[in-house]
Structures are given as C-alpha cells and as structure tokens.
Amino acid sequence: MKPKRNNYAYIDGANLHKGIDSLGWKLDYARFRVWLTEKYGVTRAYLFIGLIPKYKELYVYLQEAGFVLIFKETVYDGEEKIKGNCDADLVLHSVKDVFESDAEQLVIVSSDGDYAGMVNFLHERKKLRIILSPHRKEQCSVLLKRTNTPITYLDGVRGFIEKRKEKAPGVDKTAQGSLS
C-alpha cells in the first residue's frame, strides 16, 4: 500500500474548461477529483473560478465533488464578455501554502505561461509534483515547457476523467431493467 500523500492542487478553472472544450469532450469533475486523489495524492483541490450567479448549481456540484472553490469577482470587457482573471490569486494562494501549510507538493492545472515564474519557484524548492495541461502539447505554453517540470496532458488520460454518455434504455437491444 502506498503511503498517503498530502498534496494540494491549484486549478485555473477557466483554463481547464476552455482547454477541455477545445479537445471536443466534456470533463467529469467528480471523476477528475477522484483521479487527482488516486494518482497524485491530492487531499485538497482549489478551483479558481469567476463568480457568476447564474452558475450557482455548478458551484454546488463542484463543491460536492470535493473542490474548494476560490471565487474571483468578474467584470465585463468592452465587448460584453465576462472577465475573471484568477492568475494572481492562484499564484499567491499556492506560494502562501508552500510556507504556511503542511502540503508536501503542489499540482498545477493549467497550460498558461503566466504561471512559469511560480512553477520555477516551486520546482527549485522541490514543492511541485506536476503540471496537468488541459490543452494539447502544441498548445501548452512554451514557457511552462521550458521549466523542465513534468507535464501530463489531460487528453492522454481522457478515459479516466471524461464525462460518460448515459445510455438510452433499449439502445443496446436489452429490455429496460434487464440484467443481461
């Protein structure tokens, strides 16, 4: 039996959503949370996300799945698009935890090169476990790749974390309620 780890994950929610969406499949957040625990020993998973009232049900689901939500106030840009940049909050929270928590190592979920300085800082102190990139290899920032930190591309573990399509009754030619 593997010894229990106490690793924390820091997830750029917008980057995760947009990255997986660009791959053409849907993430099952509950399965993703379990996978983080089983694969990387994540005991606490912080999900940095913009606060938009109409997504209240999503926030409840994410919390029930085991994520700690860190909300960022949102604003509208000149084109009426919602903006809720959480980069600085994620960096501050993760670096603070390096000094003030009992986390052994950190897992970063993003493909954004804005995190390269933080990644270097964590890597030098042997506090970074891995980067999980929600984008394809060619779309992950070269700045992150240059840090020489291990990167796992989530498309490669899709089978573990993808939202499964529900089978309609009778589609597989079995009667509804059949045990066959």
N, C-alpha and C. Protein backbone atom coordinates (compact mmCIF):
# COMPACT_ATOMS: atom_id res chain seq x y z
N MET A 1 0.84 -1.19 0.00
CA MET A 1 0.00 0.00 0.00
C MET A 1 0.88 1.24 0.00
N LYS A 2 0.53 2.21 -0.88
CA LYS A 2 1.29 3.44 -0.98
C LYS A 2 1.05 4.31 0.25
N PRO A 3 2.11 5.00 0.71
CA PRO A 3 1.90 5.92 1.83
C PRO A 3 1.01 7.08 1.38
N LYS A 4 0.17 7.55 2.28
CA LYS A 4 -0.74 8.65 1.96
C LYS A 4 0.05 9.94 1.78
N ARG A 5 -0.22 10.62 0.70
CA ARG A 5 0.44 11.89 0.42
C ARG A 5 -0.48 13.03 0.86
N ASN A 6 0.08 14.20 1.03
CA ASN A 6 -0.70 15.38 1.36
C ASN A 6 -0.35 16.46 0.35
N ASN A 7 -0.80 16.27 -0.88
CA ASN A 7 -0.53 17.21 -1.95
C ASN A 7 -1.76 18.06 -2.21
N TYR A 8 -1.55 19.29 -2.63
CA TYR A 8 -2.64 20.21 -2.94
C TYR A 8 -2.62 20.49 -4.44
N ALA A 9 -3.81 20.66 -5.02
CA ALA A 9 -3.94 21.03 -6.43
C ALA A 9 -4.46 22.46 -6.54
N TYR A 10 -3.95 23.17 -7.52
CA TYR A 10 -4.35 24.55 -7.80
C TYR A 10 -4.79 24.58 -9.26
N ILE A 11 -6.07 24.82 -9.47
CA ILE A 11 -6.67 24.65 -10.79
C ILE A 11 -7.18 25.99 -11.31
N ASP A 12 -6.69 26.39 -12.47
CA ASP A 12 -7.20 27.56 -13.17
C ASP A 12 -8.47 27.10 -13.88
N GLY A 13 -9.62 27.40 -13.29
CA GLY A 13 -10.91 26.90 -13.77
C GLY A 13 -11.21 27.26 -15.21
N ALA A 14 -10.96 28.51 -15.60
CA ALA A 14 -11.25 28.93 -16.98
C ALA A 14 -10.32 28.21 -17.95
N ASN A 15 -9.05 28.08 -17.61
CA ASN A 15 -8.10 27.40 -18.48
C ASN A 15 -8.47 25.93 -18.62
N LEU A 16 -8.88 25.30 -17.53
CA LEU A 16 -9.29 23.90 -17.58
C LEU A 16 -10.51 23.73 -18.48
N HIS A 17 -11.53 24.55 -18.26
CA HIS A 17 -12.76 24.45 -19.05
C HIS A 17 -12.50 24.69 -20.53
N LYS A 18 -11.80 25.76 -20.85
CA LYS A 18 -11.54 26.09 -22.26
C LYS A 18 -10.65 25.05 -22.93
N GLY A 19 -9.67 24.55 -22.20
CA GLY A 19 -8.78 23.55 -22.76
C GLY A 19 -9.50 22.26 -23.10
N ILE A 20 -10.28 21.75 -22.16
CA ILE A 20 -11.02 20.50 -22.40
C ILE A 20 -12.05 20.71 -23.51
N ASP A 21 -12.71 21.87 -23.50
CA ASP A 21 -13.70 22.18 -24.54
C ASP A 21 -13.04 22.18 -25.92
N SER A 22 -11.83 22.71 -26.01
CA SER A 22 -11.12 22.74 -27.30
C SER A 22 -10.74 21.34 -27.79
N LEU A 23 -10.69 20.38 -26.87
CA LEU A 23 -10.38 19.00 -27.24
C LEU A 23 -11.61 18.25 -27.72
N GLY A 24 -12.80 18.84 -27.49
CA GLY A 24 -14.03 18.26 -28.02
C GLY A 24 -14.70 17.22 -27.14
N TRP A 25 -14.39 17.23 -25.85
CA TRP A 25 -15.05 16.31 -24.94
C TRP A 25 -15.36 17.03 -23.64
N LYS A 26 -16.13 16.39 -22.78
CA LYS A 26 -16.57 17.01 -21.52
C LYS A 26 -15.87 16.34 -20.34
N LEU A 27 -15.44 17.16 -19.40
CA LEU A 27 -14.78 16.68 -18.20
C LEU A 27 -15.82 16.33 -17.15
N ASP A 28 -15.64 15.18 -16.53
CA ASP A 28 -16.45 14.79 -15.38
C ASP A 28 -15.67 15.25 -14.15
N TYR A 29 -16.07 16.35 -13.56
CA TYR A 29 -15.32 16.94 -12.46
C TYR A 29 -15.21 16.02 -11.26
N ALA A 30 -16.26 15.25 -10.99
CA ALA A 30 -16.22 14.32 -9.85
C ALA A 30 -15.17 13.23 -10.11
N ARG A 31 -15.14 12.68 -11.31
CA ARG A 31 -14.14 11.67 -11.66
C ARG A 31 -12.73 12.29 -11.64
N PHE A 32 -12.63 13.52 -12.12
CA PHE A 32 -11.35 14.22 -12.12
C PHE A 32 -10.82 14.39 -10.70
N ARG A 33 -11.72 14.73 -9.78
CA ARG A 33 -11.31 14.93 -8.38
C ARG A 33 -10.81 13.62 -7.77
N VAL A 34 -11.50 12.52 -8.05
CA VAL A 34 -11.07 11.20 -7.56
C VAL A 34 -9.72 10.84 -8.17
N TRP A 35 -9.57 11.09 -9.47
CA TRP A 35 -8.31 10.79 -10.16
C TRP A 35 -7.16 11.58 -9.55
N LEU A 36 -7.38 12.85 -9.23
CA LEU A 36 -6.33 13.66 -8.60
C LEU A 36 -5.88 13.03 -7.28
N THR A 37 -6.84 12.54 -6.52
CA THR A 37 -6.51 11.90 -5.23
C THR A 37 -5.75 10.60 -5.44
N GLU A 38 -6.27 9.76 -6.32
CA GLU A 38 -5.65 8.45 -6.51
C GLU A 38 -4.30 8.52 -7.20
N LYS A 39 -4.16 9.37 -8.18
CA LYS A 39 -2.92 9.44 -8.97
C LYS A 39 -1.85 10.29 -8.30
N TYR A 40 -2.24 11.42 -7.70
CA TYR A 40 -1.25 12.37 -7.19
C TYR A 40 -1.35 12.65 -5.69
N GLY A 41 -2.18 11.94 -4.98
CA GLY A 41 -2.29 12.12 -3.54
C GLY A 41 -2.82 13.48 -3.14
N VAL A 42 -3.71 14.04 -3.96
CA VAL A 42 -4.27 15.38 -3.69
C VAL A 42 -5.33 15.27 -2.61
N THR A 43 -5.07 15.93 -1.49
CA THR A 43 -6.03 15.95 -0.39
C THR A 43 -6.90 17.21 -0.43
N ARG A 44 -6.40 18.25 -1.06
CA ARG A 44 -7.15 19.50 -1.17
C ARG A 44 -6.97 20.02 -2.60
N ALA A 45 -8.10 20.28 -3.27
CA ALA A 45 -8.06 20.77 -4.66
C ALA A 45 -8.76 22.11 -4.74
N TYR A 46 -7.97 23.16 -4.95
CA TYR A 46 -8.51 24.51 -5.06
C TYR A 46 -8.84 24.78 -6.52
N LEU A 47 -10.07 25.20 -6.77
CA LEU A 47 -10.51 25.53 -8.11
C LEU A 47 -10.80 27.03 -8.15
N PHE A 48 -9.99 27.76 -8.89
CA PHE A 48 -10.12 29.21 -9.01
C PHE A 48 -11.06 29.50 -10.17
N ILE A 49 -12.13 30.23 -9.87
CA ILE A 49 -13.21 30.37 -10.84
C ILE A 49 -13.90 31.72 -10.66
N GLY A 50 -14.38 32.28 -11.78
CA GLY A 50 -15.13 33.53 -11.71
C GLY A 50 -16.50 33.30 -11.09
N LEU A 51 -16.96 34.25 -10.33
CA LEU A 51 -18.26 34.16 -9.66
C LEU A 51 -19.33 34.78 -10.54
N ILE A 52 -20.21 33.91 -11.06
CA ILE A 52 -21.33 34.34 -11.90
C ILE A 52 -22.59 33.72 -11.32
N PRO A 53 -23.49 34.52 -10.77
CA PRO A 53 -24.65 33.99 -10.05
C PRO A 53 -25.46 32.92 -10.78
N LYS A 54 -25.59 33.02 -12.09
CA LYS A 54 -26.42 32.04 -12.81
C LYS A 54 -25.82 30.63 -12.79
N TYR A 55 -24.56 30.48 -12.37
CA TYR A 55 -23.92 29.17 -12.31
C TYR A 55 -23.90 28.57 -10.90
N LYS A 56 -24.83 29.00 -10.07
CA LYS A 56 -24.89 28.54 -8.68
C LYS A 56 -24.95 27.02 -8.57
N GLU A 57 -25.74 26.37 -9.41
CA GLU A 57 -25.85 24.92 -9.37
C GLU A 57 -24.53 24.24 -9.71
N LEU A 58 -23.79 24.80 -10.64
CA LEU A 58 -22.46 24.28 -10.98
C LEU A 58 -21.54 24.37 -9.77
N TYR A 59 -21.58 25.47 -9.08
CA TYR A 59 -20.71 25.65 -7.91
C TYR A 59 -21.04 24.64 -6.82
N VAL A 60 -22.32 24.38 -6.62
CA VAL A 60 -22.73 23.38 -5.63
C VAL A 60 -22.20 22.01 -6.03
N TYR A 61 -22.36 21.65 -7.31
CA TYR A 61 -21.86 20.37 -7.83
C TYR A 61 -20.35 20.24 -7.62
N LEU A 62 -19.60 21.29 -7.94
CA LEU A 62 -18.15 21.24 -7.79
C LEU A 62 -17.74 21.06 -6.33
N GLN A 63 -18.43 21.74 -5.44
CA GLN A 63 -18.14 21.58 -4.01
C GLN A 63 -18.47 20.17 -3.54
N GLU A 64 -19.59 19.63 -4.00
CA GLU A 64 -19.96 18.26 -3.64
C GLU A 64 -18.96 17.25 -4.19
N ALA A 65 -18.33 17.58 -5.32
CA ALA A 65 -17.32 16.70 -5.93
C ALA A 65 -15.99 16.76 -5.16
N GLY A 66 -15.87 17.71 -4.25
CA GLY A 66 -14.68 17.77 -3.41
C GLY A 66 -13.72 18.91 -3.69
N PHE A 67 -14.13 19.88 -4.50
CA PHE A 67 -13.27 21.02 -4.78
C PHE A 67 -13.52 22.13 -3.77
N VAL A 68 -12.46 22.85 -3.43
CA VAL A 68 -12.57 24.07 -2.64
C VAL A 68 -12.58 25.21 -3.65
N LEU A 69 -13.70 25.91 -3.75
CA LEU A 69 -13.83 26.98 -4.74
C LEU A 69 -13.27 28.28 -4.20
N ILE A 70 -12.43 28.89 -5.01
CA ILE A 70 -11.89 30.22 -4.71
C ILE A 70 -12.46 31.13 -5.79
N PHE A 71 -13.39 31.99 -5.39
CA PHE A 71 -14.08 32.82 -6.37
C PHE A 71 -13.33 34.11 -6.67
N LYS A 72 -13.40 34.49 -7.92
CA LYS A 72 -12.85 35.76 -8.39
C LYS A 72 -14.02 36.59 -8.88
N GLU A 73 -14.07 37.84 -8.43
CA GLU A 73 -15.11 38.74 -8.91
C GLU A 73 -14.93 38.93 -10.41
N THR A 74 -16.03 38.98 -11.13
CA THR A 74 -15.95 39.12 -12.59
C THR A 74 -16.36 40.53 -13.01
N VAL A 75 -15.87 40.91 -14.17
CA VAL A 75 -16.23 42.18 -14.79
C VAL A 75 -16.49 41.91 -16.27
N TYR A 76 -17.07 42.88 -16.94
CA TYR A 76 -17.32 42.76 -18.37
C TYR A 76 -16.32 43.63 -19.11
N ASP A 77 -15.77 43.05 -20.19
CA ASP A 77 -14.86 43.85 -21.01
C ASP A 77 -15.68 44.70 -21.97
N GLY A 78 -15.04 45.43 -22.85
CA GLY A 78 -15.72 46.32 -23.79
C GLY A 78 -16.63 45.61 -24.76
N GLU A 79 -16.45 44.29 -24.94
CA GLU A 79 -17.27 43.52 -25.88
C GLU A 79 -18.34 42.70 -25.15
N GLU A 80 -18.62 43.04 -23.90
CA GLU A 80 -19.61 42.36 -23.06
C GLU A 80 -19.26 40.90 -22.77
N LYS A 81 -17.99 40.58 -22.82
CA LYS A 81 -17.52 39.25 -22.43
C LYS A 81 -17.12 39.31 -20.96
N ILE A 82 -17.43 38.23 -20.24
CA ILE A 82 -17.11 38.18 -18.82
C ILE A 82 -15.62 37.91 -18.63
N LYS A 83 -15.02 38.66 -17.73
CA LYS A 83 -13.60 38.51 -17.43
C LYS A 83 -13.45 38.29 -15.93
N GLY A 84 -12.71 37.27 -15.55
CA GLY A 84 -12.47 36.98 -14.14
C GLY A 84 -11.10 36.35 -13.98
N ASN A 85 -10.07 37.09 -14.29
CA ASN A 85 -8.71 36.57 -14.29
C ASN A 85 -8.26 36.19 -12.88
N CYS A 86 -7.96 34.92 -12.70
CA CYS A 86 -7.61 34.42 -11.36
C CYS A 86 -6.12 34.12 -11.20
N ASP A 87 -5.31 34.45 -12.21
CA ASP A 87 -3.89 34.08 -12.18
C ASP A 87 -3.17 34.54 -10.91
N ALA A 88 -3.31 35.81 -10.58
CA ALA A 88 -2.60 36.34 -9.42
C ALA A 88 -3.07 35.67 -8.12
N ASP A 89 -4.37 35.41 -8.02
CA ASP A 89 -4.90 34.75 -6.82
C ASP A 89 -4.35 33.34 -6.69
N LEU A 90 -4.28 32.62 -7.80
CA LEU A 90 -3.76 31.26 -7.77
C LEU A 90 -2.30 31.25 -7.35
N VAL A 91 -1.51 32.16 -7.91
CA VAL A 91 -0.08 32.24 -7.56
C VAL A 91 0.08 32.57 -6.08
N LEU A 92 -0.61 33.58 -5.62
CA LEU A 92 -0.49 33.99 -4.23
C LEU A 92 -0.89 32.86 -3.28
N HIS A 93 -2.02 32.22 -3.57
CA HIS A 93 -2.52 31.16 -2.70
C HIS A 93 -1.55 29.97 -2.65
N SER A 94 -1.02 29.59 -3.79
CA SER A 94 -0.12 28.43 -3.81
C SER A 94 1.20 28.72 -3.12
N VAL A 95 1.78 29.87 -3.36
CA VAL A 95 3.05 30.21 -2.72
C VAL A 95 2.86 30.39 -1.21
N LYS A 96 1.75 30.97 -0.83
CA LYS A 96 1.44 31.09 0.60
C LYS A 96 1.38 29.71 1.26
N ASP A 97 0.74 28.76 0.58
CA ASP A 97 0.63 27.41 1.14
C ASP A 97 1.98 26.71 1.24
N VAL A 98 2.92 27.05 0.37
CA VAL A 98 4.26 26.46 0.47
C VAL A 98 4.87 26.79 1.83
N PHE A 99 4.62 27.99 2.30
CA PHE A 99 5.22 28.44 3.56
C PHE A 99 4.35 28.21 4.79
N GLU A 100 3.02 28.18 4.60
CA GLU A 100 2.13 28.17 5.76
C GLU A 100 1.29 26.91 5.94
N SER A 101 1.40 25.95 5.04
CA SER A 101 0.57 24.75 5.18
C SER A 101 1.46 23.51 5.31
N ASP A 102 0.81 22.39 5.47
CA ASP A 102 1.55 21.14 5.57
C ASP A 102 1.53 20.37 4.24
N ALA A 103 1.23 21.05 3.15
CA ALA A 103 1.24 20.41 1.84
C ALA A 103 2.64 19.93 1.50
N GLU A 104 2.74 18.69 1.03
CA GLU A 104 4.04 18.16 0.65
C GLU A 104 4.46 18.71 -0.71
N GLN A 105 3.58 18.55 -1.71
CA GLN A 105 3.86 19.05 -3.05
C GLN A 105 2.59 19.61 -3.66
N LEU A 106 2.76 20.38 -4.73
CA LEU A 106 1.64 21.02 -5.38
C LEU A 106 1.48 20.50 -6.80
N VAL A 107 0.23 20.42 -7.23
CA VAL A 107 -0.14 20.05 -8.59
C VAL A 107 -0.78 21.29 -9.20
N ILE A 108 -0.30 21.71 -10.36
CA ILE A 108 -0.84 22.89 -11.04
C ILE A 108 -1.61 22.41 -12.27
N VAL A 109 -2.86 22.88 -12.42
CA VAL A 109 -3.67 22.50 -13.57
C VAL A 109 -3.89 23.75 -14.42
N SER A 110 -3.10 23.86 -15.48
CA SER A 110 -3.20 24.98 -16.41
C SER A 110 -2.18 24.79 -17.53
N SER A 111 -2.41 25.47 -18.63
CA SER A 111 -1.46 25.49 -19.75
C SER A 111 -0.89 26.89 -19.95
N ASP A 112 -1.18 27.78 -19.02
CA ASP A 112 -0.90 29.21 -19.13
C ASP A 112 0.54 29.53 -18.73
N GLY A 113 1.27 30.14 -19.64
CA GLY A 113 2.66 30.53 -19.39
C GLY A 113 2.82 31.58 -18.32
N ASP A 114 1.73 32.27 -17.94
CA ASP A 114 1.81 33.25 -16.86
C ASP A 114 2.24 32.61 -15.55
N TYR A 115 2.10 31.30 -15.44
CA TYR A 115 2.48 30.60 -14.21
C TYR A 115 3.93 30.12 -14.20
N ALA A 116 4.68 30.41 -15.23
CA ALA A 116 6.06 29.89 -15.35
C ALA A 116 6.95 30.33 -14.19
N GLY A 117 6.85 31.57 -13.76
CA GLY A 117 7.65 32.05 -12.63
C GLY A 117 7.34 31.28 -11.36
N MET A 118 6.06 31.07 -11.09
CA MET A 118 5.65 30.30 -9.92
C MET A 118 6.12 28.85 -10.04
N VAL A 119 5.99 28.27 -11.22
CA VAL A 119 6.42 26.89 -11.45
C VAL A 119 7.92 26.76 -11.18
N ASN A 120 8.72 27.71 -11.66
CA ASN A 120 10.16 27.68 -11.38
C ASN A 120 10.44 27.76 -9.89
N PHE A 121 9.74 28.66 -9.21
CA PHE A 121 9.89 28.81 -7.77
C PHE A 121 9.59 27.50 -7.04
N LEU A 122 8.47 26.88 -7.36
CA LEU A 122 8.07 25.63 -6.72
C LEU A 122 9.03 24.49 -7.08
N HIS A 123 9.44 24.44 -8.33
CA HIS A 123 10.34 23.38 -8.81
C HIS A 123 11.69 23.45 -8.08
N GLU A 124 12.23 24.65 -7.93
CA GLU A 124 13.52 24.84 -7.25
C GLU A 124 13.46 24.37 -5.80
N ARG A 125 12.31 24.49 -5.19
CA ARG A 125 12.13 24.10 -3.79
C ARG A 125 11.60 22.67 -3.63
N LYS A 126 11.54 21.96 -4.76
CA LYS A 126 11.04 20.57 -4.78
C LYS A 126 9.62 20.47 -4.20
N LYS A 127 8.82 21.49 -4.47
CA LYS A 127 7.45 21.54 -3.99
C LYS A 127 6.44 21.31 -5.12
N LEU A 128 6.91 21.15 -6.34
CA LEU A 128 5.99 20.95 -7.46
C LEU A 128 5.98 19.49 -7.87
N ARG A 129 4.82 18.88 -7.82
CA ARG A 129 4.68 17.47 -8.20
C ARG A 129 4.59 17.33 -9.70
N ILE A 130 3.68 18.12 -10.32
CA ILE A 130 3.45 18.00 -11.77
C ILE A 130 2.57 19.15 -12.25
N ILE A 131 2.64 19.42 -13.55
CA ILE A 131 1.70 20.32 -14.22
C ILE A 131 0.75 19.43 -15.01
N LEU A 132 -0.53 19.69 -14.90
CA LEU A 132 -1.53 18.99 -15.70
C LEU A 132 -2.07 20.00 -16.71
N SER A 133 -1.82 19.74 -17.98
CA SER A 133 -2.21 20.67 -19.03
C SER A 133 -3.52 20.24 -19.68
N PRO A 134 -4.53 21.11 -19.64
CA PRO A 134 -5.79 20.78 -20.29
C PRO A 134 -5.76 21.00 -21.80
N HIS A 135 -4.68 21.53 -22.32
CA HIS A 135 -4.55 21.74 -23.76
C HIS A 135 -3.62 20.68 -24.36
N ARG A 136 -3.68 20.55 -25.66
CA ARG A 136 -2.75 19.64 -26.36
C ARG A 136 -1.32 20.14 -26.19
N LYS A 137 -0.38 19.23 -26.41
CA LYS A 137 1.04 19.55 -26.22
C LYS A 137 1.45 20.80 -26.98
N GLU A 138 1.02 20.92 -28.21
CA GLU A 138 1.42 22.07 -29.03
C GLU A 138 0.74 23.37 -28.59
N GLN A 139 -0.31 23.27 -27.77
CA GLN A 139 -1.00 24.47 -27.30
C GLN A 139 -0.59 24.87 -25.88
N CYS A 140 0.15 24.01 -25.20
CA CYS A 140 0.64 24.34 -23.87
C CYS A 140 1.78 25.35 -24.01
N SER A 141 1.81 26.34 -23.17
CA SER A 141 2.80 27.40 -23.26
C SER A 141 4.23 26.86 -23.25
N VAL A 142 5.03 27.38 -24.15
CA VAL A 142 6.45 27.03 -24.20
C VAL A 142 7.14 27.47 -22.91
N LEU A 143 6.62 28.50 -22.26
CA LEU A 143 7.21 28.97 -21.01
C LEU A 143 7.10 27.90 -19.92
N LEU A 144 5.99 27.17 -19.91
CA LEU A 144 5.84 26.07 -18.95
C LEU A 144 6.75 24.91 -19.34
N LYS A 145 6.83 24.61 -20.62
CA LYS A 145 7.68 23.51 -21.08
C LYS A 145 9.15 23.76 -20.74
N ARG A 146 9.58 24.99 -20.79
CA ARG A 146 10.98 25.34 -20.51
C ARG A 146 11.36 25.17 -19.04
N THR A 147 10.39 25.00 -18.16
CA THR A 147 10.69 24.85 -16.74
C THR A 147 11.24 23.47 -16.41
N ASN A 148 11.19 22.56 -17.39
CA ASN A 148 11.65 21.17 -17.19
C ASN A 148 10.92 20.46 -16.06
N THR A 149 9.68 20.84 -15.87
CA THR A 149 8.80 20.19 -14.90
C THR A 149 7.98 19.14 -15.64
N PRO A 150 7.72 18.01 -15.02
CA PRO A 150 6.87 17.02 -15.69
C PRO A 150 5.49 17.62 -16.02
N ILE A 151 5.02 17.35 -17.23
CA ILE A 151 3.71 17.81 -17.67
C ILE A 151 2.93 16.59 -18.18
N THR A 152 1.71 16.45 -17.68
CA THR A 152 0.79 15.44 -18.20
C THR A 152 -0.30 16.18 -18.94
N TYR A 153 -0.59 15.73 -20.15
CA TYR A 153 -1.63 16.33 -20.96
C TYR A 153 -2.93 15.56 -20.72
N LEU A 154 -3.96 16.26 -20.28
CA LEU A 154 -5.19 15.61 -19.85
C LEU A 154 -5.87 14.82 -20.95
N ASP A 155 -5.63 15.16 -22.22
CA ASP A 155 -6.20 14.38 -23.31
C ASP A 155 -5.69 12.94 -23.27
N GLY A 156 -4.49 12.76 -22.73
CA GLY A 156 -3.91 11.42 -22.62
C GLY A 156 -4.52 10.56 -21.53
N VAL A 157 -5.26 11.17 -20.61
CA VAL A 157 -5.92 10.42 -19.53
C VAL A 157 -7.44 10.57 -19.64
N ARG A 158 -7.89 10.91 -20.81
CA ARG A 158 -9.31 11.16 -21.08
C ARG A 158 -10.20 10.02 -20.59
N GLY A 159 -9.78 8.79 -20.78
CA GLY A 159 -10.58 7.64 -20.38
C GLY A 159 -10.92 7.60 -18.90
N PHE A 160 -10.09 8.22 -18.08
CA PHE A 160 -10.30 8.24 -16.64
C PHE A 160 -11.22 9.38 -16.19
N ILE A 161 -11.22 10.48 -16.94
CA ILE A 161 -11.85 11.70 -16.44
C ILE A 161 -12.96 12.27 -17.32
N GLU A 162 -13.24 11.61 -18.44
CA GLU A 162 -14.27 12.11 -19.34
C GLU A 162 -15.66 11.82 -18.82
N LYS A 163 -16.56 12.77 -19.04
CA LYS A 163 -17.97 12.57 -18.69
C LYS A 163 -18.52 11.50 -19.63
N ARG A 164 -19.09 10.48 -19.03
CA ARG A 164 -19.61 9.37 -19.82
C ARG A 164 -21.02 9.68 -20.28
N LYS A 165 -21.30 9.28 -21.51
CA LYS A 165 -22.64 9.48 -22.05
C LYS A 165 -23.57 8.45 -21.44
N GLU A 166 -24.74 8.90 -21.04
CA GLU A 166 -25.72 7.97 -20.48
C GLU A 166 -26.36 7.21 -21.63
N LYS A 167 -26.50 5.92 -21.43
CA LYS A 167 -27.07 5.05 -22.43
C LYS A 167 -28.60 5.14 -22.35
N ALA A 168 -29.22 5.36 -23.48
CA ALA A 168 -30.68 5.40 -23.52
C ALA A 168 -31.23 3.99 -23.35
N PRO A 169 -32.34 3.84 -22.66
CA PRO A 169 -32.93 2.50 -22.46
C PRO A 169 -33.21 1.83 -23.80
N GLY A 170 -32.81 0.57 -23.91
CA GLY A 170 -33.09 -0.22 -25.10
C GLY A 170 -32.12 -0.02 -26.25
N VAL A 171 -31.18 0.90 -26.14
CA VAL A 171 -30.25 1.17 -27.23
C VAL A 171 -29.41 -0.06 -27.55
N ASP A 172 -29.04 -0.82 -26.52
CA ASP A 172 -28.20 -1.99 -26.75
C ASP A 172 -29.02 -3.26 -26.95
N LYS A 173 -30.30 -3.10 -27.28
CA LYS A 173 -31.23 -4.19 -27.56
C LYS A 173 -31.61 -5.02 -26.35
N THR A 174 -31.27 -4.55 -25.13
CA THR A 174 -31.72 -5.24 -23.93
C THR A 174 -32.96 -4.55 -23.42
N ALA A 175 -33.80 -5.30 -22.78
CA ALA A 175 -35.02 -4.72 -22.21
C ALA A 175 -34.64 -3.83 -21.02
N GLN A 176 -35.40 -2.79 -20.82
CA GLN A 176 -35.17 -1.93 -19.67
C GLN A 176 -35.33 -2.75 -18.39
N GLY A 177 -34.37 -2.66 -17.51
CA GLY A 177 -34.41 -3.40 -16.26
C GLY A 177 -33.79 -4.77 -16.37
N SER A 178 -33.35 -5.16 -17.55
CA SER A 178 -32.74 -6.47 -17.75
C SER A 178 -31.36 -6.52 -17.12
N LEU A 179 -31.00 -7.66 -16.59
CA LEU A 179 -29.67 -7.85 -16.01
C LEU A 179 -28.69 -8.41 -17.02
N SER A 180 -29.13 -8.63 -18.24
CA SER A 180 -28.25 -9.21 -19.24
C SER A 180 -27.35 -8.19 -19.87
